[in-house]
Amino acid sequence: MDGHSAVVAVAATKDRSISAALATATCALLGNSIPAAVEAQEEPKWDFNTSLLYYGEDENRVQDLSLKAIIRRMFVDDRSLTVSLTLDSLTGATPSGAIRQDVPQTFTRPSGNAAYEVPVGVLPLDDTFKDTRVALTGNWQQPVGDTSLINVGISASKEYDYFHLGLNGRFAKDFNKRNTTFSAGISIAQDEFDSVGGVPIPFTSMLDVGDTSNRPEASRDKDVLDVVLGLTQVISRSLVVQANYSYSSESGYLNNPYKVLSIVDGTTGDTIARTNPGPLLGPSHEFVFESRPDDRVKHSLYTQAKVFLGGKVLDTSYRYMTDDWDIESHTLDVRYRWPLSDRLYVEPHLRWYSQTEADFYRLSLVDGAPLPAFASSDYRLGAFDAITAGLKFGWKTANQNDMSIRLEWYQQAGSIPGEQLIGNQASRDNYPDLNALIVQFSYRFKL
């Protein structure tokens, strides 16, 4: 799945873990080595790092406004406490998983309390997507001896229909005259999904408004385990490299309870109209809720290099991910910080991402054919490529605080395997391109 910023993940899906937070804690390339022992330290200080981010998809899809504050309290003996608070406001429309049709389609909303209609030829979107997310993390870090440090923390987040609680820890040790650092991190979490309207039974049909007989449970849980092993090496005064291996295991409820698949005619590829619609308002065609495996294991290899080039800094990284859902992804990220003066700098950024589809990804299911063990039409489990390009402009204020503005454009294009296209589906745009604008303002100061 595309790793394009936390915002995309939050805005697009509930399938998340704290691996991103753990990676942030364990994969920092510079500033990760153990500080040298000192006899005395200046008075304790506060470090505040704040940001306001806007992420907006085209065609009135997901919009996110996110406010984040990271507060670090530094104590004597190189100990520190870091607390971060994130507030996300999400609105817009998100694909339901159903396919386009040459006739209008009607759907029951996720709550089960109302219905909505999608015009002819339009990609079915649920335009009631709205959520507010509050996330809080806390980490304590301190040296252990002269060449090691430990970091332990807790994380929690709450949304209208989702709750996350996790613990994490990291150990790092310097070797080779502090030119080599080994780090190991682990995190565990339990997430609870309180689905609006109840959790649907996989492969059961979307029902009429007011009928929740196929949603017997109000909530489901999943457990997450993440492990990261890393090695950082100072090659020279101008070059530092790092390599990481990450293992992630998820088990429990991994479905998206709001995603459906269209049941189609095996010849025309058109969605089957309901033959016996109920007396209440509801779906006009046959749709069933998706079904995913109840476990997932991911392996990732990550490499990064930072090069100092006479005042300029080139930061490049590559990540390869594979999992037992048969998804493989490649991520290449390049940043180049270019000082314009003692106070000003610009930083171009280019990121390329590509992934294959999950082995159970299906555009639709054929009426009358045996159901597979698992199936999902969620576009994030399909094959796609994505590019992020942008520019960051940063400067020092008169009182030596840091400010920056980042402007980026995200573009995603996917494809459907040819063998999955049936009849009229071949002439429709089954995987429309996705474009998004990202704007971020950051301000950092110390007290």
Protein backbone atom coordinates (compact mmCIF):
# COMPACT_ATOMS: atom_id res chain seq x y z
CA MET A 1 0.00 0.00 0.00
CA ASP A 2 1.18 3.44 -0.75
CA GLY A 3 3.19 4.93 2.08
CA HIS A 4 2.54 8.44 0.91
CA SER A 5 2.49 10.35 4.12
CA ALA A 6 0.47 9.64 7.20
CA VAL A 7 -2.27 11.83 5.88
CA VAL A 8 -3.10 9.53 3.00
CA ALA A 9 -3.22 6.55 5.28
CA VAL A 10 -5.44 8.28 7.80
CA ALA A 11 -7.74 9.74 5.18
CA ALA A 12 -8.00 6.62 3.11
CA THR A 13 -8.33 3.67 5.46
CA LYS A 14 -8.66 2.34 8.97
CA ASP A 15 -6.06 -0.35 8.16
CA ARG A 16 -3.25 1.20 10.10
CA SER A 17 -0.70 0.33 12.75
CA ILE A 18 1.93 2.19 14.73
CA SER A 19 4.69 0.96 12.44
CA ALA A 20 5.01 4.46 10.98
CA ALA A 21 5.55 5.93 14.44
CA LEU A 22 8.02 3.18 15.30
CA ALA A 23 9.89 3.72 12.06
CA THR A 24 10.11 7.43 12.83
CA ALA A 25 11.64 6.63 16.19
CA THR A 26 14.09 4.02 14.93
CA CYS A 27 14.98 5.12 11.42
CA ALA A 28 16.22 8.67 12.00
CA LEU A 29 19.51 8.78 10.13
CA LEU A 30 21.18 11.84 11.56
CA GLY A 31 20.99 12.74 15.21
CA ASN A 32 20.41 9.09 16.15
CA SER A 33 23.83 8.36 17.61
CA ILE A 34 24.39 8.40 21.35
CA PRO A 35 25.49 11.82 22.65
CA ALA A 36 28.96 11.93 24.12
CA ALA A 37 29.20 12.03 27.89
CA VAL A 38 29.64 15.50 29.34
CA GLU A 39 30.37 16.73 32.82
CA ALA A 40 27.73 19.43 32.85
CA GLN A 41 24.74 20.44 30.80
CA GLU A 42 22.93 23.70 30.25
CA GLU A 43 19.67 24.42 31.96
CA PRO A 44 16.77 22.18 30.83
CA LYS A 45 14.95 23.46 27.76
CA TRP A 46 11.65 23.03 25.96
CA ASP A 47 11.53 22.33 22.23
CA PHE A 48 8.24 22.95 20.39
CA ASN A 49 7.71 21.70 16.82
CA THR A 50 4.30 22.55 15.36
CA SER A 51 2.73 22.10 11.93
CA LEU A 52 -0.53 22.69 10.12
CA LEU A 53 -1.14 20.47 7.09
CA TYR A 54 -3.81 20.48 4.38
CA TYR A 55 -4.34 17.45 2.14
CA GLY A 56 -7.02 17.66 -0.54
CA GLU A 57 -7.95 15.18 -3.26
CA ASP A 58 -9.53 16.32 -6.49
CA GLU A 59 -13.17 15.80 -7.47
CA ASN A 60 -14.31 16.56 -3.91
CA ARG A 61 -12.86 13.39 -2.48
CA VAL A 62 -11.02 13.19 0.85
CA GLN A 63 -9.98 16.48 2.47
CA ASP A 64 -7.85 16.53 5.62
CA LEU A 65 -6.82 19.41 7.87
CA SER A 66 -4.25 18.28 10.41
CA LEU A 67 -2.67 20.13 13.33
CA LYS A 68 0.33 18.55 15.05
CA ALA A 69 2.46 19.63 17.98
CA ILE A 70 5.59 17.84 19.22
CA ILE A 71 6.85 19.00 22.60
CA ARG A 72 10.21 17.87 23.90
CA ARG A 73 11.38 18.51 27.44
CA MET A 74 15.14 18.09 27.85
CA PHE A 75 16.56 17.24 31.25
CA VAL A 76 20.08 16.94 32.61
CA ASP A 77 22.18 13.87 31.73
CA ASP A 78 20.73 13.80 28.19
CA ARG A 79 17.34 12.55 29.27
CA SER A 80 14.24 13.76 27.46
CA LEU A 81 10.46 13.45 27.40
CA THR A 82 8.66 13.86 24.07
CA VAL A 83 4.90 14.27 23.77
CA SER A 84 3.04 14.73 20.50
CA LEU A 85 -0.58 15.65 19.85
CA THR A 86 -2.29 15.36 16.46
CA LEU A 87 -5.76 16.58 15.52
CA ASP A 88 -7.19 15.53 12.15
CA SER A 89 -10.43 16.72 10.59
CA LEU A 90 -11.51 14.53 7.66
CA THR A 91 -14.32 15.21 5.22
CA GLY A 92 -15.25 14.40 1.65
CA ALA A 93 -16.14 11.31 -0.34
CA THR A 94 -14.47 7.92 -0.56
CA PRO A 95 -15.01 5.03 -3.04
CA SER A 96 -17.36 2.32 -1.81
CA GLY A 97 -15.78 -0.42 -3.95
CA ALA A 98 -18.76 -0.74 -6.32
CA ILE A 99 -18.19 -0.23 -10.06
CA ARG A 100 -19.63 2.34 -12.48
CA GLN A 101 -22.83 1.55 -14.37
CA ASP A 102 -24.74 2.90 -17.38
CA VAL A 103 -27.80 3.29 -15.14
CA PRO A 104 -28.25 5.09 -11.80
CA GLN A 105 -27.38 3.09 -8.68
CA THR A 106 -28.75 3.36 -5.16
CA PHE A 107 -26.85 2.38 -2.01
CA THR A 108 -27.63 2.09 1.69
CA ARG A 109 -25.36 4.35 3.72
CA PRO A 110 -22.87 2.72 6.14
CA SER A 111 -25.05 3.71 9.10
CA GLY A 112 -27.95 1.78 7.61
CA ASN A 113 -30.26 4.71 8.30
CA ALA A 114 -30.49 6.27 4.83
CA ALA A 115 -29.79 5.70 1.15
CA TYR A 116 -28.09 7.71 -1.61
CA GLU A 117 -28.09 7.62 -5.41
CA VAL A 118 -25.13 7.65 -7.79
CA PRO A 119 -25.78 9.08 -11.30
CA VAL A 120 -25.14 7.25 -14.56
CA GLY A 121 -21.47 6.54 -15.28
CA VAL A 122 -20.20 8.04 -12.00
CA LEU A 123 -17.82 6.20 -9.68
CA PRO A 124 -19.80 5.26 -6.55
CA LEU A 125 -18.58 7.40 -3.65
CA ASP A 126 -19.95 7.70 -0.15
CA ASP A 127 -20.09 11.46 0.31
CA THR A 128 -20.79 11.28 4.07
CA PHE A 129 -17.16 10.43 4.89
CA LYS A 130 -16.43 12.53 7.95
CA ASP A 131 -14.26 11.94 10.98
CA THR A 132 -12.17 13.63 13.64
CA ARG A 133 -9.03 11.95 14.89
CA VAL A 134 -7.13 12.74 18.08
CA ALA A 135 -3.75 11.04 18.54
CA LEU A 136 -1.43 11.30 21.52
CA THR A 137 2.04 9.79 21.99
CA GLY A 138 4.58 10.00 24.78
CA ASN A 139 8.21 8.80 24.82
CA TRP A 140 10.92 8.82 27.47
CA GLN A 141 14.56 8.57 26.35
CA GLN A 142 17.73 8.31 28.39
CA PRO A 143 21.31 7.07 28.06
CA VAL A 144 22.40 3.71 29.45
CA GLY A 145 26.10 3.99 30.14
CA ASP A 146 28.26 6.01 27.79
CA THR A 147 27.35 4.40 24.48
CA SER A 148 23.72 3.23 24.68
CA LEU A 149 20.24 4.65 25.06
CA ILE A 150 16.73 3.39 25.60
CA ASN A 151 13.43 4.89 24.51
CA VAL A 152 10.03 3.71 25.76
CA GLY A 153 6.65 5.10 24.86
CA ILE A 154 2.90 4.82 24.61
CA SER A 155 0.51 5.83 21.84
CA ALA A 156 -3.24 6.24 21.63
CA SER A 157 -5.67 7.60 19.07
CA LYS A 158 -9.43 7.94 18.91
CA GLU A 159 -11.79 8.40 16.02
CA TYR A 160 -15.54 8.17 15.83
CA ASP A 161 -15.38 4.47 14.99
CA TYR A 162 -11.79 3.50 15.82
CA PHE A 163 -9.57 3.29 18.91
CA HIS A 164 -5.85 2.51 19.04
CA LEU A 165 -3.62 1.82 22.04
CA GLY A 166 0.03 0.81 21.77
CA LEU A 167 3.34 0.46 23.59
CA ASN A 168 6.80 0.74 22.04
CA GLY A 169 10.44 0.53 23.03
CA ARG A 170 13.82 1.02 21.39
CA PHE A 171 17.43 0.29 22.28
CA ALA A 172 20.44 1.80 20.48
CA LYS A 173 24.16 1.28 20.99
CA ASP A 174 27.23 2.95 19.47
CA PHE A 175 30.30 1.03 18.37
CA ASN A 176 33.49 1.71 16.46
CA LYS A 177 34.34 5.07 18.08
CA ARG A 178 30.68 6.11 17.72
CA ASN A 179 30.79 5.69 13.95
CA THR A 180 28.42 2.70 14.01
CA THR A 181 25.03 2.53 15.72
CA PHE A 182 22.88 -0.58 16.11
CA SER A 183 19.23 -0.13 17.04
CA ALA A 184 16.34 -2.47 17.79
CA GLY A 185 12.74 -1.45 18.32
CA ILE A 186 9.49 -3.22 19.09
CA SER A 187 5.88 -2.08 19.38
CA ILE A 188 2.64 -3.82 20.23
CA ALA A 189 -0.85 -2.46 19.77
CA GLN A 190 -4.49 -3.37 19.92
CA ASP A 191 -7.00 -1.55 17.73
CA GLU A 192 -10.77 -1.65 18.07
CA PHE A 193 -13.13 -0.97 15.18
CA ASP A 194 -16.57 0.23 16.29
CA SER A 195 -18.15 0.18 12.85
CA VAL A 196 -21.02 2.59 12.22
CA GLY A 197 -24.16 0.47 12.01
CA GLY A 198 -22.33 -2.67 13.17
CA VAL A 199 -19.73 -4.99 11.64
CA PRO A 200 -21.11 -6.75 8.52
CA ILE A 201 -20.63 -10.46 7.94
CA PRO A 202 -18.27 -10.92 4.95
CA PHE A 203 -19.92 -11.64 1.59
CA THR A 204 -23.42 -10.83 2.90
CA SER A 205 -25.56 -8.53 0.79
CA MET A 206 -26.09 -4.82 1.36
CA LEU A 207 -29.58 -4.62 2.85
CA ASP A 208 -32.43 -2.11 2.90
CA VAL A 209 -32.45 0.95 5.13
CA GLY A 210 -33.15 -0.08 8.70
CA ASP A 211 -32.21 -3.75 8.22
CA THR A 212 -29.05 -4.61 10.18
CA SER A 213 -29.61 -8.37 10.46
CA ASN A 214 -26.25 -9.08 8.79
CA ARG A 215 -24.37 -6.93 11.35
CA PRO A 216 -24.56 -8.93 14.58
CA GLU A 217 -21.43 -7.44 16.19
CA ALA A 218 -20.90 -3.83 17.21
CA SER A 219 -17.08 -3.96 17.20
CA ARG A 220 -14.04 -6.10 16.34
CA ASP A 221 -10.37 -6.01 17.38
CA LYS A 222 -7.00 -6.52 15.76
CA ASP A 223 -3.53 -7.00 17.26
CA VAL A 224 -0.36 -5.52 15.78
CA LEU A 225 3.29 -6.41 16.37
CA ASP A 226 6.13 -4.42 14.78
CA VAL A 227 9.86 -5.10 15.04
CA VAL A 228 12.63 -2.96 13.51
CA LEU A 229 16.37 -3.70 13.40
CA GLY A 230 18.71 -0.98 12.13
CA LEU A 231 22.35 -0.23 11.51
CA THR A 232 23.73 3.28 10.96
CA GLN A 233 27.26 3.85 9.70
CA VAL A 234 29.29 7.05 9.42
CA ILE A 235 31.33 6.55 6.25
CA SER A 236 33.05 9.93 6.29
CA ARG A 237 32.53 13.49 7.47
CA SER A 238 30.15 14.01 4.56
CA LEU A 239 28.38 10.62 4.24
CA VAL A 240 26.13 8.66 6.62
CA VAL A 241 24.20 5.54 5.59
CA GLN A 242 21.60 3.36 7.27
CA ALA A 243 19.91 0.01 6.63
CA ASN A 244 16.79 -1.28 8.41
CA TYR A 245 14.77 -4.48 8.43
CA SER A 246 11.14 -4.30 9.58
CA TYR A 247 8.74 -7.09 10.46
CA SER A 248 5.04 -6.43 10.98
CA SER A 249 2.28 -8.85 11.94
CA GLU A 250 -1.44 -8.06 12.10
CA SER A 251 -4.14 -10.46 13.24
CA GLY A 252 -7.84 -10.16 13.92
CA TYR A 253 -10.33 -8.02 12.03
CA LEU A 254 -8.58 -6.66 8.92
CA ASN A 255 -11.65 -5.96 6.76
CA ASN A 256 -12.88 -2.49 5.91
CA PRO A 257 -16.55 -2.75 7.03
CA TYR A 258 -17.61 0.01 4.62
CA LYS A 259 -16.27 -1.58 1.41
CA VAL A 260 -18.43 -3.64 -0.96
CA LEU A 261 -18.11 -5.50 -4.27
CA SER A 262 -20.54 -5.46 -7.19
CA ILE A 263 -22.14 -8.76 -8.24
CA VAL A 264 -22.11 -8.72 -12.05
CA ASP A 265 -23.44 -10.64 -15.04
CA GLY A 266 -20.79 -13.05 -16.32
CA THR A 267 -21.30 -11.94 -19.94
CA THR A 268 -22.04 -8.20 -19.89
CA GLY A 269 -20.08 -7.31 -16.74
CA ASP A 270 -23.00 -5.13 -15.57
CA THR A 271 -24.10 -5.19 -11.94
CA ILE A 272 -27.11 -7.42 -11.29
CA ALA A 273 -30.31 -5.54 -10.42
CA ARG A 274 -32.10 -6.74 -7.32
CA THR A 275 -34.92 -9.07 -8.23
CA ASN A 276 -36.78 -8.87 -4.92
CA PRO A 277 -36.10 -5.48 -3.38
CA GLY A 278 -37.41 -5.01 0.13
CA PRO A 279 -40.30 -2.75 1.04
CA LEU A 280 -37.91 -0.10 2.38
CA LEU A 281 -35.54 2.16 0.49
CA GLY A 282 -32.22 0.47 -0.18
CA PRO A 283 -29.75 -0.79 -2.81
CA SER A 284 -30.91 -0.97 -6.41
CA HIS A 285 -28.38 -3.68 -7.32
CA GLU A 286 -26.55 -6.60 -5.75
CA PHE A 287 -23.60 -5.61 -3.57
CA VAL A 288 -21.79 -7.73 -1.00
CA PHE A 289 -19.37 -6.73 1.76
CA GLU A 290 -15.71 -7.55 1.26
CA SER A 291 -13.75 -10.35 2.94
CA ARG A 292 -10.03 -10.21 3.76
CA PRO A 293 -7.75 -12.70 5.53
CA ASP A 294 -7.63 -12.35 9.31
CA ASP A 295 -3.85 -12.12 9.40
CA ARG A 296 -1.10 -10.33 7.49
CA VAL A 297 2.69 -10.45 7.74
CA LYS A 298 4.89 -7.79 6.12
CA HIS A 299 8.65 -7.65 5.60
CA SER A 300 10.44 -4.41 4.67
CA LEU A 301 14.01 -3.47 3.81
CA TYR A 302 14.93 0.20 4.03
CA THR A 303 18.14 1.98 3.07
CA GLN A 304 19.03 5.65 3.37
CA ALA A 305 22.03 7.85 2.67
CA LYS A 306 22.68 11.48 3.55
CA VAL A 307 25.49 13.29 1.78
CA PHE A 308 26.88 16.69 2.72
CA LEU A 309 27.92 18.53 -0.44
CA GLY A 310 29.61 21.79 0.50
CA GLY A 311 26.68 23.18 2.46
CA LYS A 312 24.01 21.28 0.54
CA VAL A 313 22.50 17.99 1.78
CA LEU A 314 21.31 15.17 -0.47
CA ASP A 315 18.95 12.74 1.29
CA THR A 316 17.97 9.57 -0.61
CA SER A 317 16.13 6.46 0.54
CA TYR A 318 14.69 3.25 -0.90
CA ARG A 319 12.20 0.85 0.66
CA TYR A 320 11.10 -2.59 -0.51
CA MET A 321 8.05 -4.24 1.07
CA THR A 322 6.50 -7.65 0.55
CA ASP A 323 3.69 -9.42 2.40
CA ASP A 324 1.72 -12.66 2.43
CA TRP A 325 -1.15 -10.94 0.61
CA ASP A 326 1.15 -11.00 -2.44
CA ILE A 327 1.64 -7.23 -2.44
CA GLU A 328 5.11 -5.95 -3.33
CA SER A 329 6.01 -2.28 -3.23
CA HIS A 330 8.98 -0.07 -4.05
CA THR A 331 9.49 3.45 -2.71
CA LEU A 332 12.23 5.81 -3.84
CA ASP A 333 12.53 9.18 -2.07
CA VAL A 334 14.94 12.02 -2.86
CA ARG A 335 15.34 15.37 -1.06
CA TYR A 336 17.94 18.04 -1.72
CA ARG A 337 18.40 20.86 0.79
CA TRP A 338 19.97 23.90 -0.85
CA PRO A 339 20.92 26.86 1.37
CA LEU A 340 20.26 30.26 -0.20
CA SER A 341 21.89 32.15 2.68
CA ASP A 342 22.62 31.71 6.36
CA ARG A 343 18.90 32.04 7.06
CA LEU A 344 17.15 30.66 3.97
CA TYR A 345 16.99 27.30 2.18
CA VAL A 346 14.92 25.45 -0.39
CA GLU A 347 14.37 21.70 -0.50
CA PRO A 348 13.02 20.02 -3.66
CA HIS A 349 11.39 16.66 -3.04
CA LEU A 350 10.56 13.78 -5.39
CA ARG A 351 9.02 10.47 -4.37
CA TRP A 352 8.07 7.49 -6.53
CA TYR A 353 5.96 4.57 -5.34
CA SER A 354 4.77 1.40 -7.07
CA GLN A 355 2.90 -1.68 -5.86
CA THR A 356 1.35 -4.88 -7.18
CA GLU A 357 -2.20 -5.95 -6.36
CA ALA A 358 -3.17 -8.31 -3.52
CA ASP A 359 -3.85 -11.88 -4.57
CA PHE A 360 -7.52 -11.49 -3.56
CA TYR A 361 -8.07 -8.13 -5.29
CA ARG A 362 -11.17 -8.31 -7.52
CA LEU A 363 -12.92 -5.61 -9.50
CA SER A 364 -16.22 -7.48 -9.15
CA LEU A 365 -17.71 -10.93 -8.48
CA VAL A 366 -19.66 -12.95 -11.06
CA ASP A 367 -23.26 -13.82 -10.24
CA GLY A 368 -23.72 -17.55 -9.65
CA ALA A 369 -20.00 -18.36 -9.55
CA PRO A 370 -18.54 -19.93 -6.39
CA LEU A 371 -17.36 -17.30 -3.94
CA PRO A 372 -13.60 -17.10 -3.39
CA ALA A 373 -12.19 -17.40 0.11
CA PHE A 374 -11.37 -13.68 0.10
CA ALA A 375 -12.12 -10.72 -2.14
CA SER A 376 -11.84 -6.93 -2.00
CA SER A 377 -12.19 -4.20 -4.61
CA ASP A 378 -10.49 -1.56 -2.41
CA TYR A 379 -8.32 0.41 -4.86
CA ARG A 380 -5.53 0.64 -2.25
CA LEU A 381 -5.08 -3.13 -2.60
CA GLY A 382 -4.82 -2.86 -6.39
CA ALA A 383 -1.79 -2.26 -8.60
CA PHE A 384 -0.84 1.40 -8.94
CA ASP A 385 2.02 3.87 -9.29
CA ALA A 386 2.25 7.20 -7.52
CA ILE A 387 4.51 10.25 -7.72
CA THR A 388 4.87 13.05 -5.18
CA ALA A 389 6.74 16.17 -6.25
CA GLY A 390 7.14 19.39 -4.36
CA LEU A 391 9.22 22.11 -2.79
CA LYS A 392 9.91 23.17 0.77
CA PHE A 393 11.01 26.70 1.62
CA GLY A 394 12.47 27.30 5.08
CA TRP A 395 14.02 30.19 6.97
CA LYS A 396 15.28 31.38 10.35
CA THR A 397 13.29 34.11 12.06
CA ALA A 398 14.87 37.12 13.73
CA ASN A 399 14.84 35.30 17.06
CA GLN A 400 16.41 32.16 15.50
CA ASN A 401 13.24 30.07 15.33
CA ASP A 402 12.60 27.75 12.36
CA MET A 403 9.74 28.25 9.91
CA SER A 404 8.93 26.46 6.66
CA ILE A 405 6.26 26.06 3.99
CA ARG A 406 5.92 22.84 1.98
CA LEU A 407 3.89 22.57 -1.23
CA GLU A 408 3.53 19.18 -2.97
CA TRP A 409 1.43 17.50 -5.64
CA TYR A 410 0.48 13.82 -5.41
CA GLN A 411 -0.58 11.84 -8.48
CA GLN A 412 -1.71 8.21 -8.51
CA ALA A 413 -2.61 5.98 -11.47
CA GLY A 414 -3.73 2.37 -11.23
CA SER A 415 -4.75 -0.50 -13.47
CA ILE A 416 -7.03 -3.53 -13.41
CA PRO A 417 -5.70 -6.95 -14.55
CA GLY A 418 -7.07 -7.62 -18.04
CA GLU A 419 -8.39 -11.05 -17.08
CA GLN A 420 -10.71 -9.42 -14.53
CA LEU A 421 -12.50 -7.20 -17.06
CA ILE A 422 -15.83 -8.59 -18.21
CA GLY A 423 -17.92 -7.34 -21.15
CA ASN A 424 -18.81 -3.65 -20.78
CA GLN A 425 -16.25 -3.17 -18.00
CA ALA A 426 -13.49 -2.96 -20.62
CA SER A 427 -14.84 0.38 -21.89
CA ARG A 428 -15.18 2.02 -18.45
CA ASP A 429 -12.68 3.87 -16.30
CA ASN A 430 -12.48 1.29 -13.53
CA TYR A 431 -9.44 2.79 -11.76
CA PRO A 432 -9.61 6.58 -12.14
CA ASP A 433 -6.50 8.66 -11.49
CA LEU A 434 -6.17 10.35 -8.13
CA ASN A 435 -4.59 13.78 -7.64
CA ALA A 436 -4.03 15.60 -4.37
CA LEU A 437 -2.59 18.87 -3.13
CA ILE A 438 -0.48 18.97 0.05
CA VAL A 439 0.34 22.22 1.84
CA GLN A 440 2.15 22.32 5.17
CA PHE A 441 3.26 25.20 7.39
CA SER A 442 5.72 24.40 10.21
CA TYR A 443 7.09 26.46 13.07
CA ARG A 444 9.71 25.35 15.60
CA PHE A 445 10.93 27.25 18.62
CA LYS A 446 12.72 26.64 21.92
CA LEU A 447 12.22 28.05 25.40
